[in-house]
Amino acid sequence: MLRTTEAQFAAGATRVLPAHLDGKWYASWEQAKASIEALPMQKFRAALFTAHLMGGCAMGEDPKQSVVRSDGRHHELANLSVLDGSVFPTSSGANPQSPSTA
């Protein structure tokens, strides 16, 4: 939360609301930093989630530019493959869990 809030202020935001159920709108990085550090980091207090995450594990042949090779196998760990929506280059624009209607 600290890094994303700091990045938002650095990008020009005039107010930032951290993704925490006890968070408030902050008008400066200094104010936000002190307040976020005091927030209780307890189960179910952070309002973070993802739905249909895609594109998080880049696929490619260059280990400096990707997590897995084009066959889905990790560049360095022989017993690790990533074969889900995270290797998509971007969102498919459709819910990956939805059955096909075609």
PDB file of N, CA and C in Angstrom:
ATOM      1  N   MET A   1       0.813  -1.186   0.000  1.00  0.00           N
ATOM      2  CA  MET A   1       0.000   0.000   0.000  1.00  0.00           C
ATOM      3  C   MET A   1       0.860   1.255   0.000  1.00  0.00           C
ATOM      4  N   LEU A   2       1.953   1.190   0.732  1.00  0.00           N
ATOM      5  CA  LEU A   2       2.844   2.359   0.753  1.00  0.00           C
ATOM      6  C   LEU A   2       3.400   2.657  -0.636  1.00  0.00           C
ATOM      7  N   ARG A   3       3.886   1.639  -1.329  1.00  0.00           N
ATOM      8  CA  ARG A   3       4.502   1.870  -2.642  1.00  0.00           C
ATOM      9  C   ARG A   3       3.474   2.347  -3.671  1.00  0.00           C
ATOM     10  N   THR A   4       2.285   1.755  -3.688  1.00  0.00           N
ATOM     11  CA  THR A   4       1.292   2.192  -4.674  1.00  0.00           C
ATOM     12  C   THR A   4       0.803   3.605  -4.369  1.00  0.00           C
ATOM     13  N   THR A   5       0.648   3.927  -3.097  1.00  0.00           N
ATOM     14  CA  THR A   5       0.230   5.281  -2.724  1.00  0.00           C
ATOM     15  C   THR A   5       1.309   6.298  -3.093  1.00  0.00           C
ATOM     16  N   GLU A   6       2.555   5.958  -2.805  1.00  0.00           N
ATOM     17  CA  GLU A   6       3.671   6.845  -3.158  1.00  0.00           C
ATOM     18  C   GLU A   6       3.726   7.059  -4.668  1.00  0.00           C
ATOM     19  N   ALA A   7       3.542   5.992  -5.432  1.00  0.00           N
ATOM     20  CA  ALA A   7       3.566   6.097  -6.896  1.00  0.00           C
ATOM     21  C   ALA A   7       2.432   6.981  -7.411  1.00  0.00           C
ATOM     22  N   GLN A   8       1.265   6.877  -6.802  1.00  0.00           N
ATOM     23  CA  GLN A   8       0.140   7.700  -7.245  1.00  0.00           C
ATOM     24  C   GLN A   8       0.409   9.178  -6.997  1.00  0.00           C
ATOM     25  N   PHE A   9       0.956   9.510  -5.825  1.00  0.00           N
ATOM     26  CA  PHE A   9       1.306  10.915  -5.565  1.00  0.00           C
ATOM     27  C   PHE A   9       2.417  11.375  -6.508  1.00  0.00           C
ATOM     28  N   ALA A  10       3.412  10.527  -6.738  1.00  0.00           N
ATOM     29  CA  ALA A  10       4.505  10.888  -7.643  1.00  0.00           C
ATOM     30  C   ALA A  10       4.001  11.124  -9.056  1.00  0.00           C
ATOM     31  N   ALA A  11       2.919  10.439  -9.429  1.00  0.00           N
ATOM     32  CA  ALA A  11       2.351  10.598 -10.769  1.00  0.00           C
ATOM     33  C   ALA A  11       1.430  11.812 -10.867  1.00  0.00           C
ATOM     34  N   GLY A  12       1.225  12.518  -9.746  1.00  0.00           N
ATOM     35  CA  GLY A  12       0.440  13.741  -9.793  1.00  0.00           C
ATOM     36  C   GLY A  12      -0.913  13.699  -9.113  1.00  0.00           C
ATOM     37  N   ALA A  13      -1.236  12.594  -8.459  1.00  0.00           N
ATOM     38  CA  ALA A  13      -2.531  12.519  -7.761  1.00  0.00           C
ATOM     39  C   ALA A  13      -2.592  13.594  -6.684  1.00  0.00           C
ATOM     40  N   THR A  14      -3.755  14.193  -6.514  1.00  0.00           N
ATOM     41  CA  THR A  14      -3.931  15.198  -5.463  1.00  0.00           C
ATOM     42  C   THR A  14      -4.561  14.600  -4.218  1.00  0.00           C
ATOM     43  N   ARG A  15      -5.196  13.438  -4.379  1.00  0.00           N
ATOM     44  CA  ARG A  15      -5.754  12.685  -3.246  1.00  0.00           C
ATOM     45  C   ARG A  15      -5.625  11.206  -3.556  1.00  0.00           C
ATOM     46  N   VAL A  16      -5.371  10.401  -2.527  1.00  0.00           N
ATOM     47  CA  VAL A  16      -5.240   8.957  -2.700  1.00  0.00           C
ATOM     48  C   VAL A  16      -5.979   8.252  -1.571  1.00  0.00           C
ATOM     49  N   LEU A  17      -6.698   7.200  -1.942  1.00  0.00           N
ATOM     50  CA  LEU A  17      -7.411   6.361  -0.970  1.00  0.00           C
ATOM     51  C   LEU A  17      -6.790   4.972  -1.020  1.00  0.00           C
ATOM     52  N   PRO A  18      -6.083   4.557   0.035  1.00  0.00           N
ATOM     53  CA  PRO A  18      -5.476   3.220   0.008  1.00  0.00           C
ATOM     54  C   PRO A  18      -6.545   2.133   0.052  1.00  0.00           C
ATOM     55  N   ALA A  19      -6.204   0.974  -0.444  1.00  0.00           N
ATOM     56  CA  ALA A  19      -7.142  -0.152  -0.506  1.00  0.00           C
ATOM     57  C   ALA A  19      -7.188  -0.870   0.830  1.00  0.00           C
ATOM     58  N   HIS A  20      -7.666  -0.188   1.839  1.00  0.00           N
ATOM     59  CA  HIS A  20      -7.797  -0.743   3.189  1.00  0.00           C
ATOM     60  C   HIS A  20      -9.135  -0.254   3.730  1.00  0.00           C
ATOM     61  N   LEU A  21      -9.861  -1.125   4.392  1.00  0.00           N
ATOM     62  CA  LEU A  21     -11.187  -0.754   4.870  1.00  0.00           C
ATOM     63  C   LEU A  21     -11.161   0.381   5.892  1.00  0.00           C
ATOM     64  N   ASP A  22     -10.034   0.584   6.569  1.00  0.00           N
ATOM     65  CA  ASP A  22      -9.912   1.676   7.531  1.00  0.00           C
ATOM     66  C   ASP A  22      -9.187   2.884   6.942  1.00  0.00           C
ATOM     67  N   GLY A  23      -8.805   2.821   5.678  1.00  0.00           N
ATOM     68  CA  GLY A  23      -8.098   3.920   5.036  1.00  0.00           C
ATOM     69  C   GLY A  23      -9.013   5.106   4.773  1.00  0.00           C
ATOM     70  N   LYS A  24      -8.402   6.255   4.675  1.00  0.00           N
ATOM     71  CA  LYS A  24      -9.133   7.489   4.367  1.00  0.00           C
ATOM     72  C   LYS A  24      -8.444   8.162   3.183  1.00  0.00           C
ATOM     73  N   TRP A  25      -9.077   9.181   2.638  1.00  0.00           N
ATOM     74  CA  TRP A  25      -8.453   9.954   1.571  1.00  0.00           C
ATOM     75  C   TRP A  25      -7.321  10.784   2.171  1.00  0.00           C
ATOM     76  N   TYR A  26      -6.177  10.773   1.502  1.00  0.00           N
ATOM     77  CA  TYR A  26      -5.024  11.535   1.961  1.00  0.00           C
ATOM     78  C   TYR A  26      -4.626  12.519   0.871  1.00  0.00           C
ATOM     79  N   ALA A  27      -4.229  13.715   1.300  1.00  0.00           N
ATOM     80  CA  ALA A  27      -3.897  14.770   0.350  1.00  0.00           C
ATOM     81  C   ALA A  27      -2.396  14.933   0.145  1.00  0.00           C
ATOM     82  N   SER A  28      -1.587  14.176   0.861  1.00  0.00           N
ATOM     83  CA  SER A  28      -0.140  14.266   0.670  1.00  0.00           C
ATOM     84  C   SER A  28       0.489  12.912   0.967  1.00  0.00           C
ATOM     85  N   TRP A  29       1.665  12.677   0.380  1.00  0.00           N
ATOM     86  CA  TRP A  29       2.392  11.438   0.614  1.00  0.00           C
ATOM     87  C   TRP A  29       2.785  11.327   2.093  1.00  0.00           C
ATOM     88  N   GLU A  30       3.229  12.428   2.703  1.00  0.00           N
ATOM     89  CA  GLU A  30       3.650  12.398   4.102  1.00  0.00           C
ATOM     90  C   GLU A  30       2.496  11.991   5.010  1.00  0.00           C
ATOM     91  N   GLN A  31       1.328  12.565   4.799  1.00  0.00           N
ATOM     92  CA  GLN A  31       0.139  12.238   5.591  1.00  0.00           C
ATOM     93  C   GLN A  31      -0.256  10.781   5.368  1.00  0.00           C
ATOM     94  N   ALA A  32      -0.254  10.359   4.126  1.00  0.00           N
ATOM     95  CA  ALA A  32      -0.638   8.981   3.801  1.00  0.00           C
ATOM     96  C   ALA A  32       0.333   7.982   4.405  1.00  0.00           C
ATOM     97  N   LYS A  33       1.625   8.249   4.306  1.00  0.00           N
ATOM     98  CA  LYS A  33       2.645   7.323   4.804  1.00  0.00           C
ATOM     99  C   LYS A  33       2.451   7.055   6.286  1.00  0.00           C
ATOM    100  N   ALA A  34       2.308   8.098   7.065  1.00  0.00           N
ATOM    101  CA  ALA A  34       2.133   7.934   8.512  1.00  0.00           C
ATOM    102  C   ALA A  34       0.841   7.182   8.830  1.00  0.00           C
ATOM    103  N   SER A  35      -0.212   7.493   8.127  1.00  0.00           N
ATOM    104  CA  SER A  35      -1.500   6.848   8.394  1.00  0.00           C
ATOM    105  C   SER A  35      -1.516   5.384   7.964  1.00  0.00           C
ATOM    106  N   ILE A  36      -0.945   5.098   6.801  1.00  0.00           N
ATOM    107  CA  ILE A  36      -0.922   3.715   6.311  1.00  0.00           C
ATOM    108  C   ILE A  36      -0.089   2.838   7.232  1.00  0.00           C
ATOM    109  N   GLU A  37       1.028   3.348   7.710  1.00  0.00           N
ATOM    110  CA  GLU A  37       1.866   2.572   8.623  1.00  0.00           C
ATOM    111  C   GLU A  37       1.131   2.235   9.910  1.00  0.00           C
ATOM    112  N   ALA A  38       0.131   3.029  10.287  1.00  0.00           N
ATOM    113  CA  ALA A  38      -0.644   2.785  11.512  1.00  0.00           C
ATOM    114  C   ALA A  38      -1.874   1.905  11.279  1.00  0.00           C
ATOM    115  N   LEU A  39      -2.209   1.623  10.021  1.00  0.00           N
ATOM    116  CA  LEU A  39      -3.387   0.793   9.748  1.00  0.00           C
ATOM    117  C   LEU A  39      -3.168  -0.634  10.235  1.00  0.00           C
ATOM    118  N   PRO A  40      -4.205  -1.261  10.769  1.00  0.00           N
ATOM    119  CA  PRO A  40      -4.060  -2.655  11.209  1.00  0.00           C
ATOM    120  C   PRO A  40      -4.002  -3.589   9.993  1.00  0.00           C
ATOM    121  N   MET A  41      -2.898  -4.277   9.844  1.00  0.00           N
ATOM    122  CA  MET A  41      -2.746  -5.223   8.741  1.00  0.00           C
ATOM    123  C   MET A  41      -3.248  -6.585   9.213  1.00  0.00           C
ATOM    124  N   GLN A  42      -4.553  -6.698   9.222  1.00  0.00           N
ATOM    125  CA  GLN A  42      -5.216  -7.909   9.695  1.00  0.00           C
ATOM    126  C   GLN A  42      -6.047  -8.508   8.571  1.00  0.00           C
ATOM    127  N   LYS A  43      -6.329  -9.763   8.721  1.00  0.00           N
ATOM    128  CA  LYS A  43      -7.151 -10.495   7.767  1.00  0.00           C
ATOM    129  C   LYS A  43      -8.479  -9.754   7.536  1.00  0.00           C
ATOM    130  N   PHE A  44      -8.857  -9.654   6.295  1.00  0.00           N
ATOM    131  CA  PHE A  44     -10.119  -9.051   5.854  1.00  0.00           C
ATOM    132  C   PHE A  44     -10.188  -7.532   6.008  1.00  0.00           C
ATOM    133  N   ARG A  45      -9.082  -6.848   6.319  1.00  0.00           N
ATOM    134  CA  ARG A  45      -9.107  -5.389   6.408  1.00  0.00           C
ATOM    135  C   ARG A  45      -8.629  -4.752   5.102  1.00  0.00           C
ATOM    136  N   ALA A  46      -7.823  -5.451   4.349  1.00  0.00           N
ATOM    137  CA  ALA A  46      -7.362  -4.919   3.067  1.00  0.00           C
ATOM    138  C   ALA A  46      -8.410  -5.229   2.012  1.00  0.00           C
ATOM    139  N   ALA A  47      -8.754  -4.226   1.228  1.00  0.00           N
ATOM    140  CA  ALA A  47      -9.785  -4.374   0.206  1.00  0.00           C
ATOM    141  C   ALA A  47      -9.145  -4.687  -1.139  1.00  0.00           C
ATOM    142  N   LEU A  48      -8.313  -5.720  -1.167  1.00  0.00           N
ATOM    143  CA  LEU A  48      -7.623  -6.090  -2.393  1.00  0.00           C
ATOM    144  C   LEU A  48      -8.179  -7.397  -2.936  1.00  0.00           C
ATOM    145  N   PHE A  49      -8.314  -7.463  -4.236  1.00  0.00           N
ATOM    146  CA  PHE A  49      -8.773  -8.683  -4.874  1.00  0.00           C
ATOM    147  C   PHE A  49      -8.394  -8.623  -6.335  1.00  0.00           C
ATOM    148  N   THR A  50      -8.532  -9.725  -6.982  1.00  0.00           N
ATOM    149  CA  THR A  50      -8.348  -9.744  -8.425  1.00  0.00           C
ATOM    150  C   THR A  50      -9.421 -10.637  -9.018  1.00  0.00           C
ATOM    151  N   ALA A  51      -9.811 -10.320 -10.193  1.00  0.00           N
ATOM    152  CA  ALA A  51     -10.782 -11.138 -10.904  1.00  0.00           C
ATOM    153  C   ALA A  51     -10.222 -11.433 -12.284  1.00  0.00           C
ATOM    154  N   HIS A  52     -10.056 -12.691 -12.583  1.00  0.00           N
ATOM    155  CA  HIS A  52      -9.622 -13.107 -13.916  1.00  0.00           C
ATOM    156  C   HIS A  52      -8.271 -12.511 -14.287  1.00  0.00           C
ATOM    157  N   LEU A  53      -7.319 -12.616 -13.372  1.00  0.00           N
ATOM    158  CA  LEU A  53      -5.988 -12.076 -13.618  1.00  0.00           C
ATOM    159  C   LEU A  53      -5.363 -12.749 -14.828  1.00  0.00           C
ATOM    160  N   MET A  54      -4.885 -11.943 -15.738  1.00  0.00           N
ATOM    161  CA  MET A  54      -4.207 -12.444 -16.932  1.00  0.00           C
ATOM    162  C   MET A  54      -3.025 -11.540 -17.232  1.00  0.00           C
ATOM    163  N   GLY A  55      -1.971 -12.128 -17.767  1.00  0.00           N
ATOM    164  CA  GLY A  55      -0.838 -11.346 -18.212  1.00  0.00           C
ATOM    165  C   GLY A  55       0.228 -11.092 -17.175  1.00  0.00           C
ATOM    166  N   GLY A  56       0.261 -11.814 -16.066  1.00  0.00           N
ATOM    167  CA  GLY A  56       1.239 -11.566 -15.026  1.00  0.00           C
ATOM    168  C   GLY A  56       2.560 -12.290 -15.191  1.00  0.00           C
ATOM    169  N   CYS A  57       2.591 -13.374 -15.923  1.00  0.00           N
ATOM    170  CA  CYS A  57       3.817 -14.164 -16.114  1.00  0.00           C
ATOM    171  C   CYS A  57       4.154 -14.183 -17.597  1.00  0.00           C
ATOM    172  N   ALA A  58       4.946 -13.231 -18.005  1.00  0.00           N
ATOM    173  CA  ALA A  58       5.256 -13.125 -19.435  1.00  0.00           C
ATOM    174  C   ALA A  58       5.858 -14.415 -19.983  1.00  0.00           C
ATOM    175  N   MET A  59       5.461 -14.767 -21.195  1.00  0.00           N
ATOM    176  CA  MET A  59       5.945 -15.964 -21.874  1.00  0.00           C
ATOM    177  C   MET A  59       6.898 -15.514 -22.981  1.00  0.00           C
ATOM    178  N   GLY A  60       8.055 -16.160 -23.073  1.00  0.00           N
ATOM    179  CA  GLY A  60       9.001 -15.819 -24.127  1.00  0.00           C
ATOM    180  C   GLY A  60      10.306 -16.569 -23.960  1.00  0.00           C
ATOM    181  N   GLU A  61      11.170 -16.414 -24.916  1.00  0.00           N
ATOM    182  CA  GLU A  61      12.431 -17.153 -24.892  1.00  0.00           C
ATOM    183  C   GLU A  61      13.551 -16.434 -24.142  1.00  0.00           C
ATOM    184  N   ASP A  62      13.418 -15.143 -23.899  1.00  0.00           N
ATOM    185  CA  ASP A  62      14.452 -14.379 -23.207  1.00  0.00           C
ATOM    186  C   ASP A  62      14.144 -14.328 -21.712  1.00  0.00           C
ATOM    187  N   PRO A  63      14.967 -14.956 -20.867  1.00  0.00           N
ATOM    188  CA  PRO A  63      14.711 -14.960 -19.426  1.00  0.00           C
ATOM    189  C   PRO A  63      14.712 -13.574 -18.796  1.00  0.00           C
ATOM    190  N   LYS A  64      15.338 -12.604 -19.437  1.00  0.00           N
ATOM    191  CA  LYS A  64      15.331 -11.242 -18.905  1.00  0.00           C
ATOM    192  C   LYS A  64      14.024 -10.524 -19.194  1.00  0.00           C
ATOM    193  N   GLN A  65      13.244 -11.043 -20.129  1.00  0.00           N
ATOM    194  CA  GLN A  65      11.994 -10.416 -20.532  1.00  0.00           C
ATOM    195  C   GLN A  65      10.761 -11.249 -20.204  1.00  0.00           C
ATOM    196  N   SER A  66      10.954 -12.465 -19.684  1.00  0.00           N
ATOM    197  CA  SER A  66       9.810 -13.343 -19.470  1.00  0.00           C
ATOM    198  C   SER A  66      10.048 -14.270 -18.285  1.00  0.00           C
ATOM    199  N   VAL A  67       8.966 -14.826 -17.773  1.00  0.00           N
ATOM    200  CA  VAL A  67       9.020 -15.748 -16.642  1.00  0.00           C
ATOM    201  C   VAL A  67       9.146 -17.188 -17.128  1.00  0.00           C
ATOM    202  N   VAL A  68       8.410 -17.510 -18.184  1.00  0.00           N
ATOM    203  CA  VAL A  68       8.432 -18.872 -18.720  1.00  0.00           C
ATOM    204  C   VAL A  68       8.735 -18.848 -20.217  1.00  0.00           C
ATOM    205  N   ARG A  69       9.214 -19.973 -20.718  1.00  0.00           N
ATOM    206  CA  ARG A  69       9.473 -20.113 -22.158  1.00  0.00           C
ATOM    207  C   ARG A  69       8.136 -20.260 -22.883  1.00  0.00           C
ATOM    208  N   SER A  70       8.178 -20.310 -24.202  1.00  0.00           N
ATOM    209  CA  SER A  70       6.952 -20.403 -24.991  1.00  0.00           C
ATOM    210  C   SER A  70       6.221 -21.733 -24.790  1.00  0.00           C
ATOM    211  N   ASP A  71       6.880 -22.727 -24.203  1.00  0.00           N
ATOM    212  CA  ASP A  71       6.198 -23.981 -23.898  1.00  0.00           C
ATOM    213  C   ASP A  71       5.623 -23.993 -22.482  1.00  0.00           C
ATOM    214  N   GLY A  72       5.722 -22.865 -21.772  1.00  0.00           N
ATOM    215  CA  GLY A  72       5.155 -22.747 -20.434  1.00  0.00           C
ATOM    216  C   GLY A  72       6.090 -23.144 -19.308  1.00  0.00           C
ATOM    217  N   ARG A  73       7.268 -23.656 -19.634  1.00  0.00           N
ATOM    218  CA  ARG A  73       8.210 -24.088 -18.600  1.00  0.00           C
ATOM    219  C   ARG A  73       9.058 -22.911 -18.125  1.00  0.00           C
ATOM    220  N   HIS A  74       9.285 -22.862 -16.824  1.00  0.00           N
ATOM    221  CA  HIS A  74      10.090 -21.799 -16.215  1.00  0.00           C
ATOM    222  C   HIS A  74      11.510 -21.824 -16.772  1.00  0.00           C
ATOM    223  N   HIS A  75      12.108 -20.660 -16.916  1.00  0.00           N
ATOM    224  CA  HIS A  75      13.461 -20.573 -17.470  1.00  0.00           C
ATOM    225  C   HIS A  75      14.513 -21.246 -16.594  1.00  0.00           C
ATOM    226  N   GLU A  76      14.339 -21.211 -15.278  1.00  0.00           N
ATOM    227  CA  GLU A  76      15.384 -21.706 -14.388  1.00  0.00           C
ATOM    228  C   GLU A  76      14.983 -22.922 -13.571  1.00  0.00           C
ATOM    229  N   LEU A  77      13.712 -23.089 -13.285  1.00  0.00           N
ATOM    230  CA  LEU A  77      13.254 -24.199 -12.450  1.00  0.00           C
ATOM    231  C   LEU A  77      12.694 -25.303 -13.336  1.00  0.00           C
ATOM    232  N   ALA A  78      13.395 -26.405 -13.410  1.00  0.00           N
ATOM    233  CA  ALA A  78      13.049 -27.484 -14.341  1.00  0.00           C
ATOM    234  C   ALA A  78      11.689 -28.103 -14.041  1.00  0.00           C
ATOM    235  N   ASN A  79      11.254 -28.068 -12.800  1.00  0.00           N
ATOM    236  CA  ASN A  79      10.014 -28.736 -12.428  1.00  0.00           C
ATOM    237  C   ASN A  79       8.851 -27.750 -12.239  1.00  0.00           C
ATOM    238  N   LEU A  80       8.894 -26.605 -12.925  1.00  0.00           N
ATOM    239  CA  LEU A  80       7.841 -25.607 -12.789  1.00  0.00           C
ATOM    240  C   LEU A  80       7.353 -25.173 -14.157  1.00  0.00           C
ATOM    241  N   SER A  81       6.054 -25.294 -14.346  1.00  0.00           N
ATOM    242  CA  SER A  81       5.409 -24.802 -15.560  1.00  0.00           C
ATOM    243  C   SER A  81       4.262 -23.891 -15.150  1.00  0.00           C
ATOM    244  N   VAL A  82       3.982 -22.886 -15.942  1.00  0.00           N
ATOM    245  CA  VAL A  82       2.848 -21.995 -15.723  1.00  0.00           C
ATOM    246  C   VAL A  82       1.963 -22.120 -16.957  1.00  0.00           C
ATOM    247  N   LEU A  83       0.778 -22.659 -16.748  1.00  0.00           N
ATOM    248  CA  LEU A  83      -0.118 -22.950 -17.879  1.00  0.00           C
ATOM    249  C   LEU A  83      -1.518 -22.438 -17.588  1.00  0.00           C
ATOM    250  N   ASP A  84      -1.612 -21.162 -17.272  1.00  0.00           N
ATOM    251  CA  ASP A  84      -2.914 -20.570 -17.000  1.00  0.00           C
ATOM    252  C   ASP A  84      -3.000 -19.196 -17.652  1.00  0.00           C
ATOM    253  N   GLY A  85      -4.038 -18.453 -17.346  1.00  0.00           N
ATOM    254  CA  GLY A  85      -4.248 -17.148 -17.960  1.00  0.00           C
ATOM    255  C   GLY A  85      -3.168 -16.136 -17.654  1.00  0.00           C
ATOM    256  N   SER A  86      -2.316 -16.408 -16.666  1.00  0.00           N
ATOM    257  CA  SER A  86      -1.275 -15.435 -16.338  1.00  0.00           C
ATOM    258  C   SER A  86      -0.226 -15.315 -17.437  1.00  0.00           C
ATOM    259  N   VAL A  87      -0.145 -16.292 -18.349  1.00  0.00           N
ATOM    260  CA  VAL A  87       0.828 -16.199 -19.441  1.00  0.00           C
ATOM    261  C   VAL A  87       0.265 -15.479 -20.670  1.00  0.00           C
ATOM    262  N   PHE A  88      -1.009 -15.096 -20.645  1.00  0.00           N
ATOM    263  CA  PHE A  88      -1.578 -14.342 -21.758  1.00  0.00           C
ATOM    264  C   PHE A  88      -0.827 -13.021 -21.890  1.00  0.00           C
ATOM    265  N   PRO A  89      -0.624 -12.506 -23.088  1.00  0.00           N
ATOM    266  CA  PRO A  89       0.057 -11.218 -23.238  1.00  0.00           C
ATOM    267  C   PRO A  89      -0.778 -10.061 -22.714  1.00  0.00           C
ATOM    268  N   THR A  90      -2.087 -10.218 -22.671  1.00  0.00           N
ATOM    269  CA  THR A  90      -2.999  -9.207 -22.152  1.00  0.00           C
ATOM    270  C   THR A  90      -4.330  -9.892 -21.883  1.00  0.00           C
ATOM    271  N   SER A  91      -5.268  -9.175 -21.359  1.00  0.00           N
ATOM    272  CA  SER A  91      -6.571  -9.752 -21.083  1.00  0.00           C
ATOM    273  C   SER A  91      -7.237 -10.223 -22.376  1.00  0.00           C
ATOM    274  N   SER A  92      -7.920 -11.352 -22.288  1.00  0.00           N
ATOM    275  CA  SER A  92      -8.612 -11.881 -23.463  1.00  0.00           C
ATOM    276  C   SER A  92      -9.921 -11.133 -23.730  1.00  0.00           C
ATOM    277  N   GLY A  93     -10.341 -10.331 -22.773  1.00  0.00           N
ATOM    278  CA  GLY A  93     -11.588  -9.585 -22.927  1.00  0.00           C
ATOM    279  C   GLY A  93     -12.814 -10.400 -22.571  1.00  0.00           C
ATOM    280  N   ALA A  94     -12.612 -11.606 -22.075  1.00  0.00           N
ATOM    281  CA  ALA A  94     -13.724 -12.472 -21.681  1.00  0.00           C
ATOM    282  C   ALA A  94     -13.367 -13.187 -20.390  1.00  0.00           C
ATOM    283  N   ASN A  95     -14.357 -13.518 -19.619  1.00  0.00           N
ATOM    284  CA  ASN A  95     -14.177 -14.258 -18.376  1.00  0.00           C
ATOM    285  C   ASN A  95     -13.614 -15.643 -18.719  1.00  0.00           C
ATOM    286  N   PRO A  96     -12.400 -15.974 -18.272  1.00  0.00           N
ATOM    287  CA  PRO A  96     -11.811 -17.256 -18.649  1.00  0.00           C
ATOM    288  C   PRO A  96     -12.508 -18.470 -18.007  1.00  0.00           C
ATOM    289  N   GLN A  97     -13.337 -18.230 -16.977  1.00  0.00           N
ATOM    290  CA  GLN A  97     -14.068 -19.328 -16.368  1.00  0.00           C
ATOM    291  C   GLN A  97     -15.437 -19.552 -17.003  1.00  0.00           C
ATOM    292  N   SER A  98     -15.861 -18.652 -17.857  1.00  0.00           N
ATOM    293  CA  SER A  98     -17.193 -18.777 -18.459  1.00  0.00           C
ATOM    294  C   SER A  98     -17.208 -19.868 -19.512  1.00  0.00           C
ATOM    295  N   PRO A  99     -18.273 -20.652 -19.560  1.00  0.00           N
ATOM    296  CA  PRO A  99     -18.362 -21.646 -20.618  1.00  0.00           C
ATOM    297  C   PRO A  99     -18.582 -20.946 -21.971  1.00  0.00           C
ATOM    298  N   SER A 100     -18.133 -21.575 -23.004  1.00  0.00           N
ATOM    299  CA  SER A 100     -18.301 -21.016 -24.334  1.00  0.00           C
ATOM    300  C   SER A 100     -19.771 -21.019 -24.713  1.00  0.00           C
ATOM    301  N   THR A 101     -20.194 -19.950 -25.363  1.00  0.00           N
ATOM    302  CA  THR A 101     -21.582 -19.881 -25.833  1.00  0.00           C
ATOM    303  C   THR A 101     -21.675 -20.110 -27.334  1.00  0.00           C
ATOM    304  N   ALA A 102     -20.531 -20.442 -27.933  1.00  0.00           N
ATOM    305  CA  ALA A 102     -20.523 -20.641 -29.396  1.00  0.00           C
ATOM    306  C   ALA A 102     -21.060 -21.991 -29.777  1.00  0.00           C
TER     307      ALA A 102
END
